[in-house]
Amino acid sequence: MSTEKCKCNLCDMIKHTTWIDVNSRLPNEGEDCLIYSQDGLYALATYLNKKWLPFFGPEFIKINFRVVAWMILPPPPNMMDG
């Protein structure tokens, strides 16, 4: 593998493992991501209509979950057919 290809792969990995402050940028509409709260809780969520919609239900919103950072989810694994 070439050095340039390794650098590109590393850049992709870093891109998918960097927390983004919600004051800096928000995800694209309908984008799934990992979110982090001011209380140190994590959740998977979709950003839709300027709201975070966690995957595990609306009761999550009721516990005053203030999102402070989010992260793009990595691409799914490249699974080979068995």
C-alpha atoms as a PDB file:
ATOM      1  CA  MET A   1       0.000   0.000   0.000  1.00  0.00           C
ATOM      2  CA  SER A   2       1.375   3.409  -0.926  1.00  0.00           C
ATOM      3  CA  THR A   3       2.175   6.057   1.663  1.00  0.00           C
ATOM      4  CA  GLU A   4      -0.381   8.376   0.051  1.00  0.00           C
ATOM      5  CA  LYS A   5      -3.118   5.738   0.314  1.00  0.00           C
ATOM      6  CA  CYS A   6      -2.230   5.151   3.983  1.00  0.00           C
ATOM      7  CA  LYS A   7      -2.496   8.888   4.627  1.00  0.00           C
ATOM      8  CA  CYS A   8      -5.927   8.982   2.972  1.00  0.00           C
ATOM      9  CA  ASN A   9      -7.129   6.012   5.040  1.00  0.00           C
ATOM     10  CA  LEU A  10      -5.821   7.644   8.215  1.00  0.00           C
ATOM     11  CA  CYS A  11      -7.573  10.917   7.342  1.00  0.00           C
ATOM     12  CA  ASP A  12     -10.845   9.019   6.849  1.00  0.00           C
ATOM     13  CA  MET A  13     -10.438   7.256  10.199  1.00  0.00           C
ATOM     14  CA  ILE A  14      -9.715  10.530  12.001  1.00  0.00           C
ATOM     15  CA  LYS A  15     -12.678  12.209  10.323  1.00  0.00           C
ATOM     16  CA  HIS A  16     -14.959   9.490  11.682  1.00  0.00           C
ATOM     17  CA  THR A  17     -13.549   9.604  15.218  1.00  0.00           C
ATOM     18  CA  THR A  18     -13.490  13.325  15.954  1.00  0.00           C
ATOM     19  CA  TRP A  19     -16.052  14.940  18.258  1.00  0.00           C
ATOM     20  CA  ILE A  20     -17.654  18.058  16.799  1.00  0.00           C
ATOM     21  CA  ASP A  21     -18.865  20.771  19.162  1.00  0.00           C
ATOM     22  CA  VAL A  22     -22.534  21.615  18.509  1.00  0.00           C
ATOM     23  CA  ASN A  23     -21.596  25.305  18.653  1.00  0.00           C
ATOM     24  CA  SER A  24     -19.172  24.798  15.758  1.00  0.00           C
ATOM     25  CA  ARG A  25     -21.310  22.749  13.394  1.00  0.00           C
ATOM     26  CA  LEU A  26     -24.381  20.550  13.349  1.00  0.00           C
ATOM     27  CA  PRO A  27     -24.901  17.395  11.268  1.00  0.00           C
ATOM     28  CA  ASN A  28     -26.657  17.418   7.930  1.00  0.00           C
ATOM     29  CA  GLU A  29     -30.420  17.010   8.041  1.00  0.00           C
ATOM     30  CA  GLY A  30     -31.291  13.332   8.487  1.00  0.00           C
ATOM     31  CA  GLU A  31     -27.739  12.299   9.343  1.00  0.00           C
ATOM     32  CA  ASP A  32     -27.237   9.522  11.896  1.00  0.00           C
ATOM     33  CA  CYS A  33     -24.518  10.181  14.456  1.00  0.00           C
ATOM     34  CA  LEU A  34     -23.208   9.463  17.933  1.00  0.00           C
ATOM     35  CA  ILE A  35     -24.107  12.198  20.417  1.00  0.00           C
ATOM     36  CA  TYR A  36     -22.588  13.118  23.774  1.00  0.00           C
ATOM     37  CA  SER A  37     -24.369  14.994  26.576  1.00  0.00           C
ATOM     38  CA  GLN A  38     -23.184  17.492  29.162  1.00  0.00           C
ATOM     39  CA  ASP A  39     -23.747  14.716  31.721  1.00  0.00           C
ATOM     40  CA  GLY A  40     -21.413  12.283  29.959  1.00  0.00           C
ATOM     41  CA  LEU A  41     -24.095  10.116  28.336  1.00  0.00           C
ATOM     42  CA  TYR A  42     -23.780   8.693  24.823  1.00  0.00           C
ATOM     43  CA  ALA A  43     -26.520   7.809  22.344  1.00  0.00           C
ATOM     44  CA  LEU A  44     -27.094   7.111  18.683  1.00  0.00           C
ATOM     45  CA  ALA A  45     -29.399   9.680  17.135  1.00  0.00           C
ATOM     46  CA  THR A  46     -30.644  11.227  13.915  1.00  0.00           C
ATOM     47  CA  TYR A  47     -30.563  14.999  13.489  1.00  0.00           C
ATOM     48  CA  LEU A  48     -33.924  15.960  11.960  1.00  0.00           C
ATOM     49  CA  ASN A  49     -35.882  19.232  11.882  1.00  0.00           C
ATOM     50  CA  LYS A  50     -33.235  20.865  14.098  1.00  0.00           C
ATOM     51  CA  LYS A  51     -33.778  18.223  16.803  1.00  0.00           C
ATOM     52  CA  TRP A  52     -31.871  15.173  18.019  1.00  0.00           C
ATOM     53  CA  LEU A  53     -33.974  12.030  17.716  1.00  0.00           C
ATOM     54  CA  PRO A  54     -32.358   9.200  19.697  1.00  0.00           C
ATOM     55  CA  PHE A  55     -32.842   5.679  18.397  1.00  0.00           C
ATOM     56  CA  PHE A  56     -34.158   4.289  21.650  1.00  0.00           C
ATOM     57  CA  GLY A  57     -37.259   6.416  22.173  1.00  0.00           C
ATOM     58  CA  PRO A  58     -38.691   9.769  23.228  1.00  0.00           C
ATOM     59  CA  GLU A  59     -38.237   9.205  26.968  1.00  0.00           C
ATOM     60  CA  PHE A  60     -34.583  10.004  26.382  1.00  0.00           C
ATOM     61  CA  ILE A  61     -35.510  13.584  25.453  1.00  0.00           C
ATOM     62  CA  LYS A  62     -37.516  13.981  28.669  1.00  0.00           C
ATOM     63  CA  ILE A  63     -34.475  13.500  30.900  1.00  0.00           C
ATOM     64  CA  ASN A  64     -33.015  16.880  29.865  1.00  0.00           C
ATOM     65  CA  PHE A  65     -30.316  15.431  27.651  1.00  0.00           C
ATOM     66  CA  ARG A  66     -28.324  18.444  26.439  1.00  0.00           C
ATOM     67  CA  VAL A  67     -26.146  17.482  23.471  1.00  0.00           C
ATOM     68  CA  VAL A  68     -22.745  19.179  23.562  1.00  0.00           C
ATOM     69  CA  ALA A  69     -20.903  17.225  20.860  1.00  0.00           C
ATOM     70  CA  TRP A  70     -21.552  14.749  18.085  1.00  0.00           C
ATOM     71  CA  MET A  71     -19.581  12.415  15.861  1.00  0.00           C
ATOM     72  CA  ILE A  72     -20.130  11.083  12.362  1.00  0.00           C
ATOM     73  CA  LEU A  73     -20.704   7.334  12.389  1.00  0.00           C
ATOM     74  CA  PRO A  74     -18.113   5.278  10.556  1.00  0.00           C
ATOM     75  CA  PRO A  75     -19.193   3.500   7.394  1.00  0.00           C
ATOM     76  CA  PRO A  76     -20.561  -0.002   7.887  1.00  0.00           C
ATOM     77  CA  PRO A  77     -18.079  -2.854   7.652  1.00  0.00           C
ATOM     78  CA  ASN A  78     -17.288  -4.248   4.243  1.00  0.00           C
ATOM     79  CA  MET A  79     -18.663  -7.742   4.743  1.00  0.00           C
ATOM     80  CA  MET A  80     -17.893 -10.416   2.212  1.00  0.00           C
ATOM     81  CA  ASP A  81     -20.619 -12.889   1.306  1.00  0.00           C
ATOM     82  CA  GLY A  82     -19.948 -16.272   2.892  1.00  0.00           C
END
